[in-house]
């Protein structure tokens, strides 16, 4: 996969531009909590940032699909740097919460959607290739790595250097990494004009499978947000604020390790079933967080939760290739990224208020409730996750008629038997389940 021409050219700057995504929320939490003394107030400001990003991400994705990545990314990255600088200045000046919330709107709305752009580049280069699921797993591992390094780096900067150091570093990395990534124009997907070839551009949200995945990703975002607030509060409760970065790093490290494993496994079950199994495990693990009464136990439970998040994330992103056409794919990825941000923002507010009133134990109830509700929804609507067959009929090779072929002789039958057996054995499981196996080449008949 890494030998794909041009891959390293967009992967390295893409990582630099994505690392700040894991720093933004926790940097705001720590700075505003320092200046106001309230996790609830810090949660409100962080939530406004997340909601703004969630609402703007699909718009940014749609514009990127139509006009190209560089045309969108360059002005957005510059605007984000200016918006974060303003938010940091207001916080240090002791501005009221409502003023910080107003400043958080442009800071969140201008977060560059570099992750979906990287995924769109992989999808354009590896479309119909068996390497595409590997690329999806690799990208999820990269995302998890940013959630390992980002919060730890932000916490170290905010607690060891200055409360504003996390946000300042986040803004600098976003601007520099975004501009370098935008300069790599050779690997950008071609823009899809709305009226190209007489076709109407369909919104990615019009595809029902994406809507189900959005619900699942909302629950995952709530786990991230609930863990960030509750781990910070738990660390303060035990008199060791610096433990926050370690605890969250263990949680995020579990995501990364599981992501590496998911990319290495040759799956024999379909993506829909993998999503259901992974999400069930995540729900069970998240349901136990509130029971932790020691740092060791909480670290162990956080690790298990992290191990369960990666399979659901990777599978969800991989399913986009089958559920959404290429012309709307960047937008689809931004909907999922925005869902994580929105779920995270909502959880930060709720967990912040619960933590202020009842301590960290109450904050850990947020991941529990969110994953249970999301799992029930995904199970009820799991049929929507099967690719639509309105314009194509998936058939097995064995079912293909060959009216003009001559009768097979014993010699030709022996020669073709291995290939036929291999084809049907690979296709039969997906056909029996009524879903398309991601990464497998399946013969299709176009209506």
Protein backbone atom coordinates (compact mmCIF):
# COMPACT_ATOMS: atom_id res chain seq x y z
CA UNK A 1 0.00 0.00 0.00
CA UNK A 2 2.76 2.44 0.91
CA UNK A 3 4.42 1.78 -2.47
CA UNK A 4 1.42 3.38 -4.18
CA UNK A 5 2.84 6.26 -6.28
CA UNK A 6 2.57 9.57 -4.44
CA UNK A 7 1.25 8.02 -1.21
CA UNK A 8 4.02 9.19 1.12
CA UNK A 9 3.79 12.66 -0.37
CA UNK A 10 0.32 13.21 1.08
CA UNK A 11 0.53 10.90 4.10
CA UNK A 12 3.28 12.75 5.98
CA UNK A 13 1.89 16.31 5.73
CA UNK A 14 -1.59 14.86 6.20
CA UNK A 15 -0.53 13.41 9.55
CA UNK A 16 0.96 16.73 10.67
CA UNK A 17 -2.28 18.50 9.78
CA UNK A 18 -4.45 15.85 11.52
CA UNK A 19 -2.56 15.71 14.81
CA UNK A 20 -4.18 18.96 16.04
CA UNK A 21 -7.62 17.30 15.78
CA UNK A 22 -6.75 15.26 18.85
CA UNK A 23 -5.48 18.35 20.68
CA UNK A 24 -8.27 20.87 20.15
CA UNK A 25 -11.00 19.77 22.56
CA UNK A 26 -8.80 18.87 25.49
CA UNK A 27 -6.72 22.05 25.04
CA UNK A 28 -9.90 24.13 25.26
CA UNK A 29 -11.08 22.13 28.27
CA UNK A 30 -7.85 22.63 30.18
CA UNK A 31 -7.45 26.32 29.31
CA UNK A 32 -11.04 27.35 30.07
CA UNK A 33 -11.17 25.23 33.22
CA UNK A 34 -7.98 26.97 34.35
CA UNK A 35 -9.39 30.45 33.73
CA UNK A 36 -12.94 29.81 35.03
CA UNK A 37 -12.45 27.01 37.57
CA UNK A 38 -15.44 25.08 36.18
CA UNK A 39 -15.57 21.91 34.11
CA UNK A 40 -19.14 22.81 33.16
CA UNK A 41 -18.08 26.14 31.65
CA UNK A 42 -15.12 24.50 29.92
CA UNK A 43 -17.44 21.82 28.57
CA UNK A 44 -19.79 24.43 27.10
CA UNK A 45 -17.00 26.16 25.19
CA UNK A 46 -15.56 22.86 23.98
CA UNK A 47 -19.04 21.70 22.96
CA UNK A 48 -19.67 24.83 20.91
CA UNK A 49 -16.41 24.15 19.10
CA UNK A 50 -17.40 20.55 18.39
CA UNK A 51 -20.92 21.40 17.23
CA UNK A 52 -19.61 24.12 14.93
CA UNK A 53 -17.16 21.66 13.41
CA UNK A 54 -19.83 18.99 13.03
CA UNK A 55 -22.16 21.39 11.21
CA UNK A 56 -19.49 22.83 8.93
CA UNK A 57 -17.72 19.55 8.09
CA UNK A 58 -20.30 18.24 5.55
CA UNK A 59 -20.44 21.64 3.86
CA UNK A 60 -16.66 21.64 3.64
CA UNK A 61 -16.75 18.11 2.24
CA UNK A 62 -19.33 19.03 -0.39
CA UNK A 63 -17.30 22.05 -1.48
CA UNK A 64 -14.18 19.86 -1.64
CA UNK A 65 -15.91 17.32 -3.87
CA UNK A 66 -16.95 20.11 -6.23
CA UNK A 67 -13.97 22.48 -6.24
CA UNK A 68 -10.97 20.43 -5.15
CA UNK A 69 -9.04 20.06 -1.91
CA UNK A 70 -6.55 22.90 -2.22
CA UNK A 71 -9.22 25.46 -3.08
CA UNK A 72 -10.98 24.70 0.22
CA UNK A 73 -8.10 23.75 2.53
CA UNK A 74 -5.83 26.79 2.15
CA UNK A 75 -8.32 29.50 3.24
CA UNK A 76 -9.82 27.24 5.91
CA UNK A 77 -6.45 26.49 7.54
CA UNK A 78 -5.54 30.18 7.67
CA UNK A 79 -8.95 31.08 9.10
CA UNK A 80 -8.59 28.41 11.78
CA UNK A 81 -5.26 29.78 12.94
CA UNK A 82 -6.75 33.25 13.35
CA UNK A 83 -9.89 31.96 15.12
CA UNK A 84 -7.92 29.89 17.66
CA UNK A 85 -5.65 32.84 18.37
CA UNK A 86 -8.71 34.98 19.13
CA UNK A 87 -10.23 32.31 21.41
CA UNK A 88 -6.96 31.93 23.32
CA UNK A 89 -6.66 35.69 23.80
CA UNK A 90 -10.23 36.00 25.12
CA UNK A 91 -9.69 33.14 27.58
CA UNK A 92 -6.48 34.65 28.96
CA UNK A 93 -8.19 38.03 29.34
CA UNK A 94 -10.84 36.43 31.58
CA UNK A 95 -13.72 36.93 29.15
CA UNK A 96 -17.13 35.59 30.26
CA UNK A 97 -18.28 32.17 29.12
CA UNK A 98 -20.72 33.57 26.57
CA UNK A 99 -17.90 35.49 24.87
CA UNK A 100 -15.71 32.39 24.82
CA UNK A 101 -18.59 30.42 23.33
CA UNK A 102 -18.98 33.00 20.56
CA UNK A 103 -15.26 32.86 19.81
CA UNK A 104 -15.45 29.06 19.74
CA UNK A 105 -17.88 29.09 16.79
CA UNK A 106 -15.35 30.13 14.08
CA UNK A 107 -12.63 28.08 15.78
CA UNK A 108 -14.71 24.92 15.36
CA UNK A 109 -16.25 25.76 11.99
CA UNK A 110 -12.80 26.28 10.46
CA UNK A 111 -11.27 22.95 11.52
CA UNK A 112 -9.79 21.55 8.26
CA UNK A 113 -11.18 18.14 7.31
CA UNK A 114 -7.80 16.66 6.44
CA UNK A 115 -8.67 13.10 7.50
CA UNK A 116 -11.57 12.77 5.02
CA UNK A 117 -9.40 14.36 2.35
CA UNK A 118 -6.68 11.75 2.89
CA UNK A 119 -9.29 8.97 2.74
CA UNK A 120 -10.67 10.45 -0.48
CA UNK A 121 -7.18 10.35 -2.00
CA UNK A 122 -6.81 6.68 -1.07
CA UNK A 123 -10.27 5.92 -2.50
CA UNK A 124 -9.37 7.64 -5.77
CA UNK A 125 -6.06 5.81 -6.10
CA UNK A 126 -7.17 2.37 -4.92
CA UNK A 127 -10.77 2.18 -6.11
CA UNK A 128 -11.71 -1.47 -6.88
CA UNK A 129 -8.35 -2.56 -5.47
CA UNK A 130 -8.09 -5.16 -2.69
CA UNK A 131 -5.72 -2.69 -0.97
CA UNK A 132 -8.57 -0.27 -0.25
CA UNK A 133 -9.64 -1.99 3.02
CA UNK A 134 -5.99 -1.99 4.08
CA UNK A 135 -5.83 1.75 3.43
CA UNK A 136 -9.02 2.25 5.47
CA UNK A 137 -7.50 0.33 8.38
CA UNK A 138 -4.26 2.30 8.04
CA UNK A 139 -6.15 5.59 8.17
CA UNK A 140 -8.04 4.52 11.27
CA UNK A 141 -4.76 3.55 12.93
CA UNK A 142 -3.44 7.00 12.03
CA UNK A 143 -6.53 8.58 13.56
CA UNK A 144 -6.08 6.58 16.72
CA UNK A 145 -2.41 7.53 16.85
CA UNK A 146 -3.39 11.19 16.78
CA UNK A 147 -5.67 10.47 19.73
CA UNK A 148 -2.72 8.88 21.52
CA UNK A 149 -0.24 11.68 20.86
CA UNK A 150 -2.60 14.66 20.65
CA UNK A 151 -4.19 14.61 24.12
CA UNK A 152 -0.92 13.61 25.81
CA UNK A 153 0.96 16.41 24.03
CA UNK A 154 -1.78 18.94 24.77
CA UNK A 155 -1.95 17.94 28.44
CA UNK A 156 1.83 18.14 28.81
CA UNK A 157 1.92 21.58 27.21
CA UNK A 158 -1.02 22.94 29.21
CA UNK A 159 0.13 21.61 32.58
CA UNK A 160 3.91 21.84 32.11
CA UNK A 161 4.44 24.93 29.97
CA UNK A 162 1.40 27.23 30.01
CA UNK A 163 -2.39 26.70 30.02
CA UNK A 164 -2.58 28.25 26.54
CA UNK A 165 0.36 26.32 25.06
CA UNK A 166 -1.86 23.48 23.83
CA UNK A 167 -4.10 25.72 21.73
CA UNK A 168 -1.17 27.71 20.35
CA UNK A 169 0.56 24.52 19.21
CA UNK A 170 -2.69 23.19 17.75
CA UNK A 171 -3.15 26.30 15.62
CA UNK A 172 0.46 26.31 14.39
CA UNK A 173 0.39 22.64 13.35
CA UNK A 174 -2.96 23.09 11.60
CA UNK A 175 -1.76 26.00 9.50
CA UNK A 176 1.66 24.59 8.57
CA UNK A 177 0.51 21.01 7.98
CA UNK A 178 -2.58 22.12 6.09
CA UNK A 179 -0.66 24.35 3.70
CA UNK A 180 1.95 21.66 2.93
CA UNK A 181 -0.78 19.05 2.41
CA UNK A 182 -2.69 21.37 0.09
CA UNK A 183 0.45 21.89 -1.97
CA UNK A 184 0.50 18.17 -2.90
CA UNK A 185 -1.92 18.66 -5.78
CA UNK A 186 -0.86 15.69 -7.93
CA UNK A 187 -2.69 13.14 -5.76
CA UNK A 188 -5.88 15.13 -5.23
CA UNK A 189 -9.11 13.55 -6.55
CA UNK A 190 -10.59 15.38 -9.50
CA UNK A 191 -13.45 17.73 -8.59
CA UNK A 192 -16.95 16.51 -9.49
CA UNK A 193 -19.01 19.31 -10.98
CA UNK A 194 -22.70 19.14 -9.98
CA UNK A 195 -23.94 18.96 -13.56
CA UNK A 196 -21.13 16.91 -15.06
CA UNK A 197 -22.32 14.54 -17.77
CA UNK A 198 -25.89 15.69 -17.18
CA UNK A 199 -26.02 14.06 -13.72
CA UNK A 200 -27.53 15.63 -10.62
CA UNK A 201 -25.15 15.72 -7.67
CA UNK A 202 -26.71 13.76 -4.82
CA UNK A 203 -25.98 14.62 -1.24
CA UNK A 204 -24.19 11.86 0.63
CA UNK A 205 -26.84 12.13 3.35
CA UNK A 206 -29.46 10.84 0.89
CA UNK A 207 -27.99 7.34 1.19
CA UNK A 208 -29.64 5.53 4.14
CA UNK A 209 -26.59 3.45 5.03
CA UNK A 210 -24.62 6.60 5.78
CA UNK A 211 -27.34 7.82 8.12
CA UNK A 212 -27.09 4.62 10.15
CA UNK A 213 -23.32 4.95 10.34
CA UNK A 214 -23.73 8.54 11.55
CA UNK A 215 -25.70 7.26 14.56
CA UNK A 216 -22.96 4.73 15.33
CA UNK A 217 -20.27 7.41 15.08
CA UNK A 218 -22.25 9.75 17.34
CA UNK A 219 -21.99 7.10 20.03
CA UNK A 220 -18.26 6.73 19.45
CA UNK A 221 -17.81 10.49 19.73
CA UNK A 222 -19.69 10.44 23.03
CA UNK A 223 -17.18 7.91 24.33
CA UNK A 224 -14.31 10.24 23.42
CA UNK A 225 -15.98 13.28 24.99
CA UNK A 226 -17.12 11.50 28.13
CA UNK A 227 -13.70 9.99 28.66
CA UNK A 228 -11.88 13.31 28.22
CA UNK A 229 -13.91 15.12 30.87
CA UNK A 230 -14.25 12.23 33.30
CA UNK A 231 -10.59 11.19 33.17
CA UNK A 232 -9.51 14.78 33.83
CA UNK A 233 -11.90 15.02 36.78
CA UNK A 234 -10.81 11.62 38.14
CA UNK A 235 -7.14 12.68 37.99
CA UNK A 236 -7.91 15.82 39.99
CA UNK A 237 -9.94 13.82 42.50
CA UNK A 238 -6.98 11.55 43.26
CA UNK A 239 -4.64 14.56 43.55
CA UNK A 240 -2.60 13.76 40.42
CA UNK A 241 -3.68 16.03 37.51
CA UNK A 242 -0.80 14.82 35.35
CA UNK A 243 -2.28 11.31 35.32
CA UNK A 244 -4.95 12.55 32.90
CA UNK A 245 -2.59 12.36 29.94
CA UNK A 246 -1.43 8.88 30.92
CA UNK A 247 -4.96 7.51 31.38
CA UNK A 248 -6.20 8.97 28.11
CA UNK A 249 -3.05 7.78 26.36
CA UNK A 250 -3.71 4.21 27.52
CA UNK A 251 -7.29 4.47 26.25
CA UNK A 252 -6.18 5.82 22.87
CA UNK A 253 -3.33 3.29 22.66
CA UNK A 254 -5.93 0.54 22.85
CA UNK A 255 -7.60 2.07 19.79
CA UNK A 256 -4.32 2.08 17.89
CA UNK A 257 -3.34 -1.49 18.78
CA UNK A 258 -6.76 -2.79 17.78
CA UNK A 259 -6.58 -0.83 14.55
CA UNK A 260 -3.27 -2.46 13.63
CA UNK A 261 -4.78 -5.87 14.34
CA UNK A 262 -7.86 -5.12 12.24
CA UNK A 263 -5.68 -4.14 9.30
CA UNK A 264 -3.64 -7.35 9.58
CA UNK A 265 -6.59 -9.76 9.79
CA UNK A 266 -8.01 -11.35 6.63
CA UNK A 267 -11.67 -11.13 7.59
CA UNK A 268 -14.02 -13.97 6.67
CA UNK A 269 -17.17 -12.24 7.92
CA UNK A 270 -18.88 -9.33 6.25
CA UNK A 271 -18.47 -5.68 7.32
CA UNK A 272 -22.02 -5.35 8.61
CA UNK A 273 -21.58 -8.23 11.04
CA UNK A 274 -18.16 -6.90 12.08
CA UNK A 275 -19.72 -3.54 12.88
CA UNK A 276 -22.44 -5.13 15.00
CA UNK A 277 -19.99 -7.34 16.90
CA UNK A 278 -17.51 -4.54 17.47
CA UNK A 279 -20.17 -2.12 18.65
CA UNK A 280 -21.63 -4.67 21.03
CA UNK A 281 -18.20 -5.13 22.61
CA UNK A 282 -17.77 -1.36 22.87
CA UNK A 283 -21.14 -0.99 24.61
CA UNK A 284 -20.33 -3.69 27.16
CA UNK A 285 -16.90 -2.20 27.90
CA UNK A 286 -18.22 1.37 28.21
CA UNK A 287 -20.89 0.16 30.62
CA UNK A 288 -18.22 -0.74 33.19
CA UNK A 289 -16.29 2.54 33.34
CA UNK A 290 -18.33 4.04 36.15
CA UNK A 291 -17.38 1.15 38.44
CA UNK A 292 -13.65 2.04 38.48
CA UNK A 293 -12.43 3.20 41.89
CA UNK A 294 -8.66 3.16 41.30
CA UNK A 295 -6.25 4.44 38.68
CA UNK A 296 -5.09 0.94 37.74
CA UNK A 297 -8.62 -0.36 37.25
CA UNK A 298 -9.65 2.70 35.27
CA UNK A 299 -6.59 2.35 33.02
CA UNK A 300 -7.44 -1.31 32.39
CA UNK A 301 -11.07 -0.54 31.56
CA UNK A 302 -10.02 2.37 29.37
CA UNK A 303 -7.69 0.07 27.46
CA UNK A 304 -10.53 -2.40 26.82
CA UNK A 305 -12.82 0.41 25.64
CA UNK A 306 -10.10 1.59 23.27
CA UNK A 307 -9.62 -1.92 21.90
CA UNK A 308 -13.34 -2.05 21.04
CA UNK A 309 -13.55 1.35 19.34
CA UNK A 310 -11.14 0.70 16.46
CA UNK A 311 -13.06 -2.22 14.84
CA UNK A 312 -16.24 -0.15 14.70
CA UNK A 313 -14.47 2.93 13.31
CA UNK A 314 -12.49 1.03 10.69
CA UNK A 315 -15.48 -0.95 9.50
CA UNK A 316 -17.67 2.12 9.28
CA UNK A 317 -15.18 4.05 7.16
CA UNK A 318 -14.58 1.00 4.95
CA UNK A 319 -18.30 0.59 4.26
CA UNK A 320 -18.49 4.06 2.69
CA UNK A 321 -16.87 2.71 -0.48
CA UNK A 322 -19.85 0.40 -1.02
CA UNK A 323 -22.62 2.66 0.30
CA UNK A 324 -21.79 6.04 -1.29
CA UNK A 325 -20.66 6.84 -4.87
CA UNK A 326 -17.31 8.47 -5.54
CA UNK A 327 -18.81 11.88 -6.36
CA UNK A 328 -20.06 12.23 -2.77
CA UNK A 329 -17.37 10.30 -0.91
CA UNK A 330 -15.47 13.18 0.70
CA UNK A 331 -18.76 14.58 1.95
CA UNK A 332 -19.65 11.16 3.37
CA UNK A 333 -16.36 10.94 5.24
CA UNK A 334 -16.91 14.44 6.67
CA UNK A 335 -20.38 13.45 7.88
CA UNK A 336 -18.80 10.63 9.88
CA UNK A 337 -16.03 12.87 11.19
CA UNK A 338 -18.62 15.50 12.06
CA UNK A 339 -20.74 12.89 13.85
CA UNK A 340 -17.77 11.99 16.06
CA UNK A 341 -17.22 15.68 16.80
CA UNK A 342 -20.89 16.31 17.56
CA UNK A 343 -21.14 13.27 19.81
CA UNK A 344 -17.96 14.36 21.55
CA UNK A 345 -19.24 17.91 22.02
CA UNK A 346 -22.56 16.77 23.45
CA UNK A 347 -20.85 14.34 25.80
CA UNK A 348 -18.43 17.02 26.99
CA UNK A 349 -21.33 19.27 28.04
CA UNK A 350 -23.35 16.54 29.74
CA UNK A 351 -20.34 14.90 31.38
CA UNK A 352 -19.02 18.30 32.50
CA UNK A 353 -22.26 19.15 34.30
CA UNK A 354 -22.54 15.70 35.85
CA UNK A 355 -18.92 15.83 36.96
CA UNK A 356 -19.33 19.25 38.55
CA UNK A 357 -22.37 18.03 40.47
CA UNK A 358 -21.56 14.42 41.31
CA UNK A 359 -17.93 13.70 40.47
CA UNK A 360 -16.19 11.69 37.77
CA UNK A 361 -18.25 8.55 38.39
CA UNK A 362 -21.36 10.30 37.08
CA UNK A 363 -19.45 11.53 34.04
CA UNK A 364 -18.62 7.97 33.03
CA UNK A 365 -22.35 7.27 32.67
CA UNK A 366 -22.36 9.32 29.46
CA UNK A 367 -20.41 6.77 27.34
CA UNK A 368 -22.67 4.05 28.73
CA UNK A 369 -25.92 5.76 27.72
CA UNK A 370 -24.65 6.90 24.32
CA UNK A 371 -23.35 3.51 23.18
CA UNK A 372 -26.49 1.69 24.34
CA UNK A 373 -28.75 4.04 22.37
CA UNK A 374 -26.52 3.87 19.28
CA UNK A 375 -26.31 0.07 19.39
CA UNK A 376 -30.09 -0.29 19.60
CA UNK A 377 -30.48 2.01 16.59
CA UNK A 378 -27.84 0.26 14.49
CA UNK A 379 -29.29 -3.18 15.24
CA UNK A 380 -32.81 -2.01 14.34
CA UNK A 381 -31.66 -0.44 11.05
CA UNK A 382 -28.95 -2.93 10.10
CA UNK A 383 -30.70 -3.72 6.80
CA UNK A 384 -29.82 -0.20 5.62
CA UNK A 385 -26.12 -1.08 5.78
CA UNK A 386 -26.40 -3.49 2.83
CA UNK A 387 -25.48 -1.79 -0.47
CA UNK A 388 -28.50 -1.03 -2.61
CA UNK A 389 -28.96 -3.23 -5.67
CA UNK A 390 -31.21 -0.87 -7.60
CA UNK A 391 -28.76 -0.36 -10.48
CA UNK A 392 -26.85 -3.62 -10.36
CA UNK A 393 -27.48 -7.22 -9.51
CA UNK A 394 -24.74 -9.09 -7.71
CA UNK A 395 -24.45 -12.68 -8.82
CA UNK A 396 -22.04 -15.51 -8.24
CA UNK A 397 -19.83 -16.75 -11.03
CA UNK A 398 -21.52 -20.11 -10.87
CA UNK A 399 -24.88 -18.53 -11.69
CA UNK A 400 -23.65 -16.82 -14.87
CA UNK A 401 -25.20 -18.50 -17.95
CA UNK A 402 -22.93 -19.29 -20.87
CA UNK A 403 -25.30 -20.04 -23.77
CA UNK A 404 -22.65 -19.84 -26.49
CA UNK A 405 -19.92 -21.81 -24.76
CA UNK A 406 -19.20 -25.27 -26.12
CA UNK A 407 -19.65 -28.29 -23.94
CA UNK A 408 -16.68 -28.77 -21.65
CA UNK A 409 -14.43 -31.72 -22.26
CA UNK A 410 -12.90 -33.60 -19.36
CA UNK A 411 -9.60 -31.82 -19.98
CA UNK A 412 -11.07 -28.33 -20.03
CA UNK A 413 -13.27 -29.11 -17.03
CA UNK A 414 -10.24 -30.18 -15.03
CA UNK A 415 -8.37 -27.03 -16.05
CA UNK A 416 -11.17 -24.65 -15.10
CA UNK A 417 -12.37 -26.38 -11.94
CA UNK A 418 -9.84 -24.80 -9.56
CA UNK A 419 -10.59 -21.27 -10.74
CA UNK A 420 -14.34 -21.80 -10.54
CA UNK A 421 -14.10 -23.30 -7.08
CA UNK A 422 -11.97 -20.45 -5.87
CA UNK A 423 -14.37 -17.85 -7.26
CA UNK A 424 -17.49 -19.37 -5.80
CA UNK A 425 -15.93 -20.06 -2.43
CA UNK A 426 -14.88 -16.42 -2.08
CA UNK A 427 -18.26 -15.07 -3.22
CA UNK A 428 -20.64 -17.47 -1.56
CA UNK A 429 -20.41 -16.15 2.00
CA UNK A 430 -21.19 -12.58 0.97
CA UNK A 431 -24.03 -13.72 -1.26
CA UNK A 432 -25.56 -15.88 1.45
CA UNK A 433 -25.55 -12.93 3.85
CA UNK A 434 -27.05 -10.57 1.32
CA UNK A 435 -24.18 -8.09 1.59
CA UNK A 436 -21.12 -7.20 -0.41
CA UNK A 437 -17.77 -8.14 1.09
CA UNK A 438 -15.63 -5.03 1.08
CA UNK A 439 -12.46 -5.49 -0.93
CA UNK A 440 -13.68 -8.53 -2.88
CA UNK A 441 -14.25 -8.35 -6.63
CA UNK A 442 -17.78 -9.50 -7.27
CA UNK A 443 -19.16 -10.01 -10.81
CA UNK A 444 -22.04 -7.61 -11.47
CA UNK A 445 -24.71 -7.35 -14.14
CA UNK A 446 -25.61 -3.73 -14.95
CA UNK A 447 -29.35 -3.15 -15.48
